[in-house]
C-alpha atoms as a PDB file:
ATOM      1  CA  MET A   1     113.378  72.980 118.412  1.00  0.00           C
ATOM      2  CA  ALA A   2     112.955  69.364 118.817  1.00  0.00           C
ATOM      3  CA  PHE A   3     111.932  67.382 115.616  1.00  0.00           C
ATOM      4  CA  ASN A   4     108.392  65.850 115.566  1.00  0.00           C
ATOM      5  CA  GLY A   5     108.712  62.326 116.712  1.00  0.00           C
ATOM      6  CA  ALA A   6     105.612  61.387 115.177  1.00  0.00           C
ATOM      7  CA  LEU A   7     106.765  62.936 111.635  1.00  0.00           C
ATOM      8  CA  ALA A   8     110.514  61.224 112.426  1.00  0.00           C
ATOM      9  CA  ALA A   9     108.461  57.485 112.737  1.00  0.00           C
ATOM     10  CA  HIS A  10     106.979  57.752 109.867  1.00  0.00           C
ATOM     11  CA  LEU A  11     109.961  58.970 107.789  1.00  0.00           C
ATOM     12  CA  ALA A  12     111.749  56.180 109.058  1.00  0.00           C
ATOM     13  CA  THR A  13     109.347  53.527 107.727  1.00  0.00           C
ATOM     14  CA  GLY A  14     111.002  54.532 104.206  1.00  0.00           C
ATOM     15  CA  THR A  15     106.803  54.426 102.857  1.00  0.00           C
ATOM     16  CA  THR A  16     105.650  57.950 103.433  1.00  0.00           C
ATOM     17  CA  THR A  17     102.664  60.135 103.028  1.00  0.00           C
ATOM     18  CA  THR A  18     104.295  63.474 103.186  1.00  0.00           C
ATOM     19  CA  CYS A  19     103.338  67.340 101.389  1.00  0.00           C
ATOM     20  CA  HIS A  20     104.386  70.409 102.229  1.00  0.00           C
ATOM     21  CA  ALA A  21     101.732  73.152 103.452  1.00  0.00           C
ATOM     22  CA  TRP A  22     102.424  77.347 104.106  1.00  0.00           C
ATOM     23  CA  ALA A  23     100.728  80.069 105.692  1.00  0.00           C
ATOM     24  CA  ILE A  24     101.121  83.555 104.366  1.00  0.00           C
ATOM     25  CA  THR A  25     100.509  85.993 107.067  1.00  0.00           C
ATOM     26  CA  ARG A  26     100.145  89.385 105.313  1.00  0.00           C
ATOM     27  CA  GLY A  27     100.631  92.950 106.999  1.00  0.00           C
ATOM     28  CA  ASP A  28      97.027  93.349 106.808  1.00  0.00           C
ATOM     29  CA  GLY A  29      96.216  90.503 109.035  1.00  0.00           C
ATOM     30  CA  THR A  30      95.092  88.300 106.341  1.00  0.00           C
ATOM     31  CA  VAL A  31      96.185  84.557 106.871  1.00  0.00           C
ATOM     32  CA  LEU A  32      96.317  82.370 103.632  1.00  0.00           C
ATOM     33  CA  GLY A  33      96.949  78.332 103.719  1.00  0.00           C
ATOM     34  CA  PHE A  34      98.280  76.711 100.893  1.00  0.00           C
ATOM     35  CA  THR A  35      99.267  73.016 100.343  1.00  0.00           C
ATOM     36  CA  ASP A  36     100.696  70.678  97.457  1.00  0.00           C
ATOM     37  CA  HIS A  37      98.534  67.717  98.287  1.00  0.00           C
ATOM     38  CA  ASP A  38      95.446  67.031  96.236  1.00  0.00           C
ATOM     39  CA  ARG A  39      92.992  67.922  99.129  1.00  0.00           C
ATOM     40  CA  ASP A  40      92.459  70.606 101.743  1.00  0.00           C
ATOM     41  CA  LEU A  41      94.455  70.059 104.859  1.00  0.00           C
ATOM     42  CA  THR A  42      93.262  71.023 108.305  1.00  0.00           C
ATOM     43  CA  PHE A  43      95.533  72.396 111.457  1.00  0.00           C
ATOM     44  CA  ASP A  44      96.343  75.065 114.442  1.00  0.00           C
ATOM     45  CA  GLY A  45      92.689  76.307 113.405  1.00  0.00           C
ATOM     46  CA  MET A  46      93.506  76.913 109.622  1.00  0.00           C
ATOM     47  CA  THR A  47      92.639  75.276 106.280  1.00  0.00           C
ATOM     48  CA  PHE A  48      95.579  74.731 103.718  1.00  0.00           C
ATOM     49  CA  ARG A  49      93.987  74.780 100.371  1.00  0.00           C
ATOM     50  CA  ALA A  50      95.234  72.416  97.548  1.00  0.00           C
ATOM     51  CA  GLY A  51      94.542  73.511  93.831  1.00  0.00           C
ATOM     52  CA  THR A  52      96.240  76.810  94.366  1.00  0.00           C
ATOM     53  CA  GLY A  53      99.085  76.406  92.161  1.00  0.00           C
ATOM     54  CA  LEU A  54     101.565  77.423  95.146  1.00  0.00           C
ATOM     55  CA  SER A  55     104.928  75.696  95.405  1.00  0.00           C
ATOM     56  CA  ALA A  56     108.121  76.117  96.738  1.00  0.00           C
ATOM     57  CA  MET A  57     111.857  75.256  95.396  1.00  0.00           C
ATOM     58  CA  ALA A  58     114.150  73.156  97.823  1.00  0.00           C
ATOM     59  CA  LEU A  59     115.100  75.285 100.924  1.00  0.00           C
ATOM     60  CA  GLN A  60     118.609  76.141 100.950  1.00  0.00           C
ATOM     61  CA  GLN A  61     119.419  76.003 104.770  1.00  0.00           C
ATOM     62  CA  GLY A  62     122.700  76.829 106.878  1.00  0.00           C
ATOM     63  CA  THR A  63     123.926  76.529 110.357  1.00  0.00           C
ATOM     64  CA  GLY A  64     125.139  79.699 112.389  1.00  0.00           C
ATOM     65  CA  LEU A  65     124.412  83.256 110.757  1.00  0.00           C
ATOM     66  CA  ALA A  66     123.876  81.455 106.959  1.00  0.00           C
ATOM     67  CA  VAL A  67     120.541  83.250 105.799  1.00  0.00           C
ATOM     68  CA  ASP A  68     117.384  80.466 104.644  1.00  0.00           C
ATOM     69  CA  ASN A  69     116.462  81.068 101.504  1.00  0.00           C
ATOM     70  CA  SER A  70     113.877  79.445  98.489  1.00  0.00           C
ATOM     71  CA  GLU A  71     111.063  80.935  96.064  1.00  0.00           C
ATOM     72  CA  ALA A  72     107.425  80.409  96.005  1.00  0.00           C
ATOM     73  CA  ILE A  73     106.372  80.021  93.034  1.00  0.00           C
ATOM     74  CA  GLY A  74     102.626  79.649  91.707  1.00  0.00           C
ATOM     75  CA  ALA A  75     100.041  81.202  89.297  1.00  0.00           C
ATOM     76  CA  LEU A  76      98.083  84.216  89.953  1.00  0.00           C
ATOM     77  CA  SER A  77      94.360  83.299  90.748  1.00  0.00           C
ATOM     78  CA  ASP A  78      91.308  85.233  92.177  1.00  0.00           C
ATOM     79  CA  ALA A  79      90.903  82.646  94.557  1.00  0.00           C
ATOM     80  CA  ALA A  80      94.417  82.382  96.185  1.00  0.00           C
ATOM     81  CA  ILE A  81      96.398  85.478  95.251  1.00  0.00           C
ATOM     82  CA  ARG A  82      95.325  88.027  93.169  1.00  0.00           C
ATOM     83  CA  GLU A  83      97.585  90.370  90.861  1.00  0.00           C
ATOM     84  CA  ALA A  84      95.889  93.308  92.253  1.00  0.00           C
ATOM     85  CA  ASP A  85      97.154  92.211  95.426  1.00  0.00           C
ATOM     86  CA  ILE A  86     100.561  91.973  94.359  1.00  0.00           C
ATOM     87  CA  ASP A  87     100.756  95.332  92.413  1.00  0.00           C
ATOM     88  CA  ALA A  88      99.337  97.115  95.470  1.00  0.00           C
ATOM     89  CA  GLY A  89     102.124  95.399  98.011  1.00  0.00           C
ATOM     90  CA  ARG A  90      99.485  93.709 100.247  1.00  0.00           C
ATOM     91  CA  PHE A  91     102.429  90.475 100.314  1.00  0.00           C
ATOM     92  CA  ASP A  92     105.586  92.671 100.906  1.00  0.00           C
ATOM     93  CA  GLY A  93     107.036  91.937 103.884  1.00  0.00           C
ATOM     94  CA  ALA A  94     104.479  89.291 104.445  1.00  0.00           C
ATOM     95  CA  ALA A  95     105.477  86.349 107.005  1.00  0.00           C
ATOM     96  CA  VAL A  96     105.949  82.690 106.201  1.00  0.00           C
ATOM     97  CA  SER A  97     105.937  79.382 107.421  1.00  0.00           C
ATOM     98  CA  ALA A  98     106.585  76.078 105.778  1.00  0.00           C
ATOM     99  CA  TRP A  99     105.783  72.835 107.304  1.00  0.00           C
ATOM    100  CA  VAL A 100     106.205  69.032 105.955  1.00  0.00           C
ATOM    101  CA  VAL A 101     103.086  67.032 107.047  1.00  0.00           C
ATOM    102  CA  ASN A 102     101.740  63.733 107.271  1.00  0.00           C
ATOM    103  CA  TRP A 103      98.483  64.288 105.358  1.00  0.00           C
ATOM    104  CA  ALA A 104      97.336  61.035 106.407  1.00  0.00           C
ATOM    105  CA  GLU A 105      98.046  61.992 110.310  1.00  0.00           C
ATOM    106  CA  VAL A 106      98.469  66.046 110.224  1.00  0.00           C
ATOM    107  CA  ALA A 107      99.368  66.206 113.794  1.00  0.00           C
ATOM    108  CA  ALA A 108     102.587  64.519 112.626  1.00  0.00           C
ATOM    109  CA  ARG A 109     104.408  67.709 110.957  1.00  0.00           C
ATOM    110  CA  GLN A 110     107.308  70.021 111.684  1.00  0.00           C
ATOM    111  CA  VAL A 111     108.217  73.785 110.837  1.00  0.00           C
ATOM    112  CA  ILE A 112     110.774  73.926 108.248  1.00  0.00           C
ATOM    113  CA  PHE A 113     110.891  77.279 107.373  1.00  0.00           C
ATOM    114  CA  ARG A 114     110.315  80.862 108.796  1.00  0.00           C
ATOM    115  CA  GLY A 115     110.821  83.662 107.329  1.00  0.00           C
ATOM    116  CA  THR A 116     109.079  86.708 104.954  1.00  0.00           C
ATOM    117  CA  ILE A 117     108.339  87.311 101.557  1.00  0.00           C
ATOM    118  CA  GLY A 118     111.191  89.167  99.338  1.00  0.00           C
ATOM    119  CA  GLU A 119     110.834  90.756  96.080  1.00  0.00           C
ATOM    120  CA  ILE A 120     108.131  89.157  93.779  1.00  0.00           C
ATOM    121  CA  ARG A 121     108.126  89.012  90.207  1.00  0.00           C
ATOM    122  CA  ARG A 122     105.634  88.531  87.635  1.00  0.00           C
ATOM    123  CA  ALA A 123     104.981  87.201  84.086  1.00  0.00           C
ATOM    124  CA  GLY A 124     102.524  85.437  81.926  1.00  0.00           C
ATOM    125  CA  GLY A 125      99.948  84.976  84.596  1.00  0.00           C
ATOM    126  CA  ALA A 126     102.427  83.684  87.232  1.00  0.00           C
ATOM    127  CA  PHE A 127     104.606  84.678  89.961  1.00  0.00           C
ATOM    128  CA  SER A 128     107.837  84.105  91.907  1.00  0.00           C
ATOM    129  CA  ALA A 129     108.573  85.330  95.213  1.00  0.00           C
ATOM    130  CA  GLU A 130     111.771  85.498  97.128  1.00  0.00           C
ATOM    131  CA  LEU A 131     111.312  84.344 100.561  1.00  0.00           C
ATOM    132  CA  ARG A 132     114.033  85.299 103.018  1.00  0.00           C
ATOM    133  CA  GLY A 133     114.990  83.566 106.027  1.00  0.00           C
ATOM    134  CA  LEU A 134     114.822  85.312 109.853  1.00  0.00           C
ATOM    135  CA  ALA A 135     118.733  85.738 109.750  1.00  0.00           C
ATOM    136  CA  GLU A 136     117.928  88.486 107.236  1.00  0.00           C
ATOM    137  CA  ALA A 137     116.954  90.853 109.833  1.00  0.00           C
ATOM    138  CA  LEU A 138     120.728  90.612 110.888  1.00  0.00           C
ATOM    139  CA  ASN A 139     121.785  92.130 107.309  1.00  0.00           C
ATOM    140  CA  GLN A 140     120.237  95.396 108.566  1.00  0.00           C
ATOM    141  CA  PRO A 141     122.635  98.209 109.746  1.00  0.00           C
ATOM    142  CA  MET A 142     122.285  98.376 113.610  1.00  0.00           C
ATOM    143  CA  GLY A 143     123.436 101.632 115.725  1.00  0.00           C
ATOM    144  CA  ARG A 144     122.322 104.894 117.032  1.00  0.00           C
ATOM    145  CA  VAL A 145     123.178 107.951 114.534  1.00  0.00           C
ATOM    146  CA  TYR A 146     124.300 111.365 116.319  1.00  0.00           C
ATOM    147  CA  GLN A 147     122.513 113.819 114.387  1.00  0.00           C
ATOM    148  CA  PRO A 148     120.570 117.524 115.142  1.00  0.00           C
ATOM    149  CA  GLY A 149     117.299 116.049 114.373  1.00  0.00           C
ATOM    150  CA  CYS A 150     115.293 113.292 116.433  1.00  0.00           C
ATOM    151  CA  GLY A 151     115.878 109.603 115.663  1.00  0.00           C
ATOM    152  CA  ALA A 152     113.054 108.091 116.634  1.00  0.00           C
ATOM    153  CA  VAL A 153     109.756 107.057 114.411  1.00  0.00           C
ATOM    154  CA  LEU A 154     106.779 109.255 115.273  1.00  0.00           C
ATOM    155  CA  GLY A 155     104.601 107.108 117.751  1.00  0.00           C
ATOM    156  CA  ASP A 156     107.072 104.122 118.365  1.00  0.00           C
ATOM    157  CA  ALA A 157     108.271 103.273 122.075  1.00  0.00           C
ATOM    158  CA  ALA A 158     111.472 105.654 121.913  1.00  0.00           C
ATOM    159  CA  CYS A 159     109.089 108.496 120.811  1.00  0.00           C
ATOM    160  CA  GLY A 160     106.147 107.607 123.129  1.00  0.00           C
ATOM    161  CA  VAL A 161     103.622 110.158 121.473  1.00  0.00           C
ATOM    162  CA  ASP A 162     100.434 108.338 121.602  1.00  0.00           C
ATOM    163  CA  LEU A 163      99.039 109.109 117.874  1.00  0.00           C
ATOM    164  CA  GLY A 164      95.239 107.952 118.768  1.00  0.00           C
ATOM    165  CA  ALA A 165      95.280 110.948 120.889  1.00  0.00           C
ATOM    166  CA  ALA A 166      92.458 113.587 119.980  1.00  0.00           C
ATOM    167  CA  GLY A 167      94.312 116.274 118.141  1.00  0.00           C
ATOM    168  CA  TYR A 168      97.213 113.975 116.633  1.00  0.00           C
ATOM    169  CA  HIS A 169      94.764 112.346 113.588  1.00  0.00           C
ATOM    170  CA  VAL A 170      91.534 112.892 111.691  1.00  0.00           C
ATOM    171  CA  GLU A 171      89.024 110.391 110.012  1.00  0.00           C
ATOM    172  CA  THR A 172      87.739 112.035 106.717  1.00  0.00           C
ATOM    173  CA  THR A 173      86.607 111.154 102.981  1.00  0.00           C
ATOM    174  CA  VAL A 174      88.183 111.859  99.332  1.00  0.00           C
ATOM    175  CA  GLU A 175      86.294 114.280  97.849  1.00  0.00           C
ATOM    176  CA  GLY A 176      88.178 115.235  94.621  1.00  0.00           C
ATOM    177  CA  LEU A 177      91.189 113.098  93.086  1.00  0.00           C
ATOM    178  CA  GLY A 178      94.591 113.812  90.951  1.00  0.00           C
ATOM    179  CA  ASP A 179      98.046 114.261  91.848  1.00  0.00           C
ATOM    180  CA  THR A 180      96.609 116.353  95.442  1.00  0.00           C
ATOM    181  CA  LEU A 181      93.816 114.517  96.803  1.00  0.00           C
ATOM    182  CA  ARG A 182      90.742 116.959  97.801  1.00  0.00           C
ATOM    183  CA  LEU A 183      89.284 116.549 101.475  1.00  0.00           C
ATOM    184  CA  PRO A 184      87.062 118.360 103.411  1.00  0.00           C
ATOM    185  CA  ALA A 185      88.722 121.813 105.142  1.00  0.00           C
ATOM    186  CA  LEU A 186      89.237 120.320 108.610  1.00  0.00           C
ATOM    187  CA  PRO A 187      89.409 123.653 110.111  1.00  0.00           C
ATOM    188  CA  ASP A 188      90.560 121.859 113.369  1.00  0.00           C
ATOM    189  CA  PHE A 189      94.016 121.201 111.941  1.00  0.00           C
ATOM    190  CA  GLU A 190      96.364 123.904 111.512  1.00  0.00           C
ATOM    191  CA  PRO A 191      97.918 124.245 107.552  1.00  0.00           C
ATOM    192  CA  GLY A 192     100.852 122.003 106.993  1.00  0.00           C
ATOM    193  CA  TRP A 193      99.809 120.109 110.543  1.00  0.00           C
ATOM    194  CA  PHE A 194      99.709 116.500 108.284  1.00  0.00           C
ATOM    195  CA  THR A 195     102.771 117.139 106.563  1.00  0.00           C
ATOM    196  CA  ARG A 196     105.738 114.221 106.924  1.00  0.00           C
ATOM    197  CA  GLY A 197     102.562 112.123 108.318  1.00  0.00           C
ATOM    198  CA  ARG A 198     100.558 109.299 107.076  1.00  0.00           C
ATOM    199  CA  LEU A 199      97.756 108.784 105.274  1.00  0.00           C
ATOM    200  CA  ILE A 200      95.982 105.418 105.765  1.00  0.00           C
ATOM    201  CA  VAL A 201      93.134 104.178 103.584  1.00  0.00           C
ATOM    202  CA  LEU A 202      90.108 102.645 105.414  1.00  0.00           C
ATOM    203  CA  ASP A 203      88.051 100.763 102.973  1.00  0.00           C
ATOM    204  CA  GLY A 204      87.768 100.377  99.318  1.00  0.00           C
ATOM    205  CA  GLU A 205      90.022  99.111  96.694  1.00  0.00           C
ATOM    206  CA  ALA A 206      93.070 100.618  98.772  1.00  0.00           C
ATOM    207  CA  GLU A 207      92.160  99.398 101.912  1.00  0.00           C
ATOM    208  CA  GLY A 208      94.741  99.226 104.020  1.00  0.00           C
ATOM    209  CA  LEU A 209      97.545 101.110 102.338  1.00  0.00           C
ATOM    210  CA  VAL A 210      99.636 104.073 103.811  1.00  0.00           C
ATOM    211  CA  GLY A 211     101.120 106.629 101.851  1.00  0.00           C
ATOM    212  CA  GLU A 212     103.637 109.226 102.996  1.00  0.00           C
ATOM    213  CA  VAL A 213     102.280 112.892 102.983  1.00  0.00           C
ATOM    214  CA  LYS A 214     104.833 115.913 100.948  1.00  0.00           C
ATOM    215  CA  ARG A 215     102.722 118.405 101.169  1.00  0.00           C
ATOM    216  CA  ASP A 216      99.080 119.770 103.504  1.00  0.00           C
ATOM    217  CA  ARG A 217      97.743 122.741 102.146  1.00  0.00           C
ATOM    218  CA  THR A 218      94.448 124.239 103.221  1.00  0.00           C
ATOM    219  CA  THR A 219      92.192 126.242 100.821  1.00  0.00           C
ATOM    220  CA  GLU A 220      88.388 128.229 102.043  1.00  0.00           C
ATOM    221  CA  THR A 221      86.540 124.917 101.302  1.00  0.00           C
ATOM    222  CA  THR A 222      89.141 122.172 101.074  1.00  0.00           C
ATOM    223  CA  ARG A 223      92.289 120.364 102.104  1.00  0.00           C
ATOM    224  CA  GLU A 224      94.796 119.512 100.019  1.00  0.00           C
ATOM    225  CA  ILE A 225      97.207 116.894 100.510  1.00  0.00           C
ATOM    226  CA  THR A 226      99.936 115.513  98.280  1.00  0.00           C
ATOM    227  CA  LEU A 227     101.537 112.489  98.833  1.00  0.00           C
ATOM    228  CA  TRP A 228     105.469 111.677  97.931  1.00  0.00           C
ATOM    229  CA  GLN A 229     104.216 108.414  95.984  1.00  0.00           C
ATOM    230  CA  GLY A 230     101.208 107.607  94.629  1.00  0.00           C
ATOM    231  CA  LEU A 231      99.289 104.701  96.275  1.00  0.00           C
ATOM    232  CA  ARG A 232      99.605 101.387  94.218  1.00  0.00           C
ATOM    233  CA  ALA A 233      95.465 100.775  94.359  1.00  0.00           C
ATOM    234  CA  PRO A 234      93.019 103.223  93.500  1.00  0.00           C
ATOM    235  CA  LEU A 235      91.140 105.807  95.441  1.00  0.00           C
ATOM    236  CA  ALA A 236      87.881 106.763  94.879  1.00  0.00           C
ATOM    237  CA  ILE A 237      85.426 109.826  95.705  1.00  0.00           C
ATOM    238  CA  GLY A 238      83.811 108.613  98.882  1.00  0.00           C
ATOM    239  CA  ASP A 239      86.689 106.476 100.001  1.00  0.00           C
ATOM    240  CA  ARG A 240      87.342 106.753 104.549  1.00  0.00           C
ATOM    241  CA  LEU A 241      90.803 107.864 105.140  1.00  0.00           C
ATOM    242  CA  ARG A 242      92.821 108.507 108.472  1.00  0.00           C
ATOM    243  CA  LEU A 243      95.288 111.524 108.522  1.00  0.00           C
ATOM    244  CA  VAL A 244      98.059 111.230 111.285  1.00  0.00           C
ATOM    245  CA  ALA A 245     100.177 114.104 112.411  1.00  0.00           C
ATOM    246  CA  GLY A 246     103.684 114.502 110.808  1.00  0.00           C
ATOM    247  CA  CYS A 247     106.862 115.411 112.550  1.00  0.00           C
ATOM    248  CA  ASP A 248     110.298 117.191 110.754  1.00  0.00           C
ATOM    249  CA  LYS A 249     112.481 115.903 113.590  1.00  0.00           C
ATOM    250  CA  ARG A 250     112.961 119.315 114.937  1.00  0.00           C
ATOM    251  CA  MET A 251     113.225 119.725 118.860  1.00  0.00           C
ATOM    252  CA  ASP A 252     111.035 122.844 118.913  1.00  0.00           C
ATOM    253  CA  THR A 253     108.402 120.578 116.899  1.00  0.00           C
ATOM    254  CA  CYS A 254     108.339 117.731 119.523  1.00  0.00           C
ATOM    255  CA  ARG A 255     108.310 120.521 122.182  1.00  0.00           C
ATOM    256  CA  TYR A 256     105.064 122.483 121.258  1.00  0.00           C
ATOM    257  CA  LYS A 257     103.502 120.450 118.478  1.00  0.00           C
ATOM    258  CA  PHE A 258     103.781 117.250 120.844  1.00  0.00           C
ATOM    259  CA  ASN A 259     104.968 118.245 124.471  1.00  0.00           C
ATOM    260  CA  ASN A 260     107.370 115.591 124.389  1.00  0.00           C
ATOM    261  CA  LEU A 261     110.452 117.144 124.594  1.00  0.00           C
ATOM    262  CA  LEU A 262     111.595 114.523 127.304  1.00  0.00           C
ATOM    263  CA  ASN A 263     111.609 111.752 124.752  1.00  0.00           C
ATOM    264  CA  PHE A 264     113.591 113.693 122.150  1.00  0.00           C
ATOM    265  CA  GLN A 265     116.054 111.564 120.383  1.00  0.00           C
ATOM    266  CA  GLY A 266     118.221 113.984 118.756  1.00  0.00           C
ATOM    267  CA  PHE A 267     121.449 115.837 119.754  1.00  0.00           C
ATOM    268  CA  PRO A 268     120.530 119.652 118.622  1.00  0.00           C
ATOM    269  CA  ASP A 269     123.720 121.418 119.835  1.00  0.00           C
ATOM    270  CA  ILE A 270     126.405 118.420 118.111  1.00  0.00           C
ATOM    271  CA  PRO A 271     128.868 120.576 116.405  1.00  0.00           C
ATOM    272  CA  GLY A 272     128.386 120.663 112.409  1.00  0.00           C
ATOM    273  CA  GLU A 273     131.500 120.117 109.705  1.00  0.00           C
ATOM    274  CA  ASP A 274     131.994 123.679 109.662  1.00  0.00           C
ATOM    275  CA  TRP A 275     133.487 123.536 113.023  1.00  0.00           C
ATOM    276  CA  MET A 276     136.552 122.222 111.790  1.00  0.00           C
ATOM    277  CA  THR A 277     137.511 125.466 109.781  1.00  0.00           C
ATOM    278  CA  ALA A 278     136.640 127.619 112.974  1.00  0.00           C
ATOM    279  CA  TYR A 279     139.611 130.383 113.639  1.00  0.00           C
ATOM    280  CA  PRO A 280     141.080 131.887 116.603  1.00  0.00           C
ATOM    281  CA  ALA A 281     139.216 134.655 118.270  1.00  0.00           C
ATOM    282  CA  THR A 282     141.268 137.909 118.057  1.00  0.00           C
ATOM    283  CA  SER A 283     138.959 139.501 120.695  1.00  0.00           C
ATOM    284  CA  GLY A 284     137.215 139.082 123.799  1.00  0.00           C
ATOM    285  CA  GLN A 285     137.161 136.801 126.332  1.00  0.00           C
ATOM    286  CA  THR A 286     139.052 132.816 125.385  1.00  0.00           C
ATOM    287  CA  THR A 287     138.175 130.983 128.071  1.00  0.00           C
ATOM    288  CA  GLY A 288     137.314 127.614 126.071  1.00  0.00           C
ATOM    289  CA  GLY A 289     133.790 128.199 126.463  1.00  0.00           C
ATOM    290  CA  SER A 290     131.006 128.118 123.240  1.00  0.00           C
ATOM    291  CA  ARG A 291     131.513 130.393 120.552  1.00  0.00           C
ATOM    292  CA  ARG A 292     128.083 131.249 119.875  1.00  0.00           C
END
């Protein structure tokens, strides 16, 4: 990316009017703008607010595949970054962009960092958030795993199942709270239909949060949902939820539950570890075919 010519000319004068601006885009689509200038800035259709207490340490940047990293530090504020939102995980993995800006002429600006928020630490009414550069994604292990179960994520491009289709999701409300959530009976869905699926909160204090379903049980009057891990914000009676069907990665499930066998990404006939201890057959045909 070419450096902004207007900003370069301004910096060359030796007397500058520059500041920093940051934009944070959360996973739920909320976009927040901050600046260390003493007045708000506006560009790219966003307002970058001053006086929010957010600042950043010097960026560590390198060439090649070196991972850029830094930290954003600031004070917790009901008007900007709330402690409850951090606790709920709403800033986990949020996208971050940072600019150097000539506050006297905001068109003279340059992006100096793009990445995501990593670990967030809180203490004494303040927070410190690790910023991870774009090259951080290259640290993730890549490659296909050869295993009997399907390697795709239900509903992704490799799977191809449309989870928005009828029968694969339902919207309902919370009727009872505790270690197990109690919902209306949902008679149109078989017992266990949502096991290994997802629970998405549609409103209330936990709006936008997602839980993984551990167990889906039915009684005569209710549906009982147990999550692998509790949500990081409280639910209330009457909150709306969306339940999405679950998949146990087996070939039969792919065939009969989702009618999606052509996209099955597993290897059900791959030999197990016990093949190494197989002994020669003492009778019958020994043609080199299957021993099963």
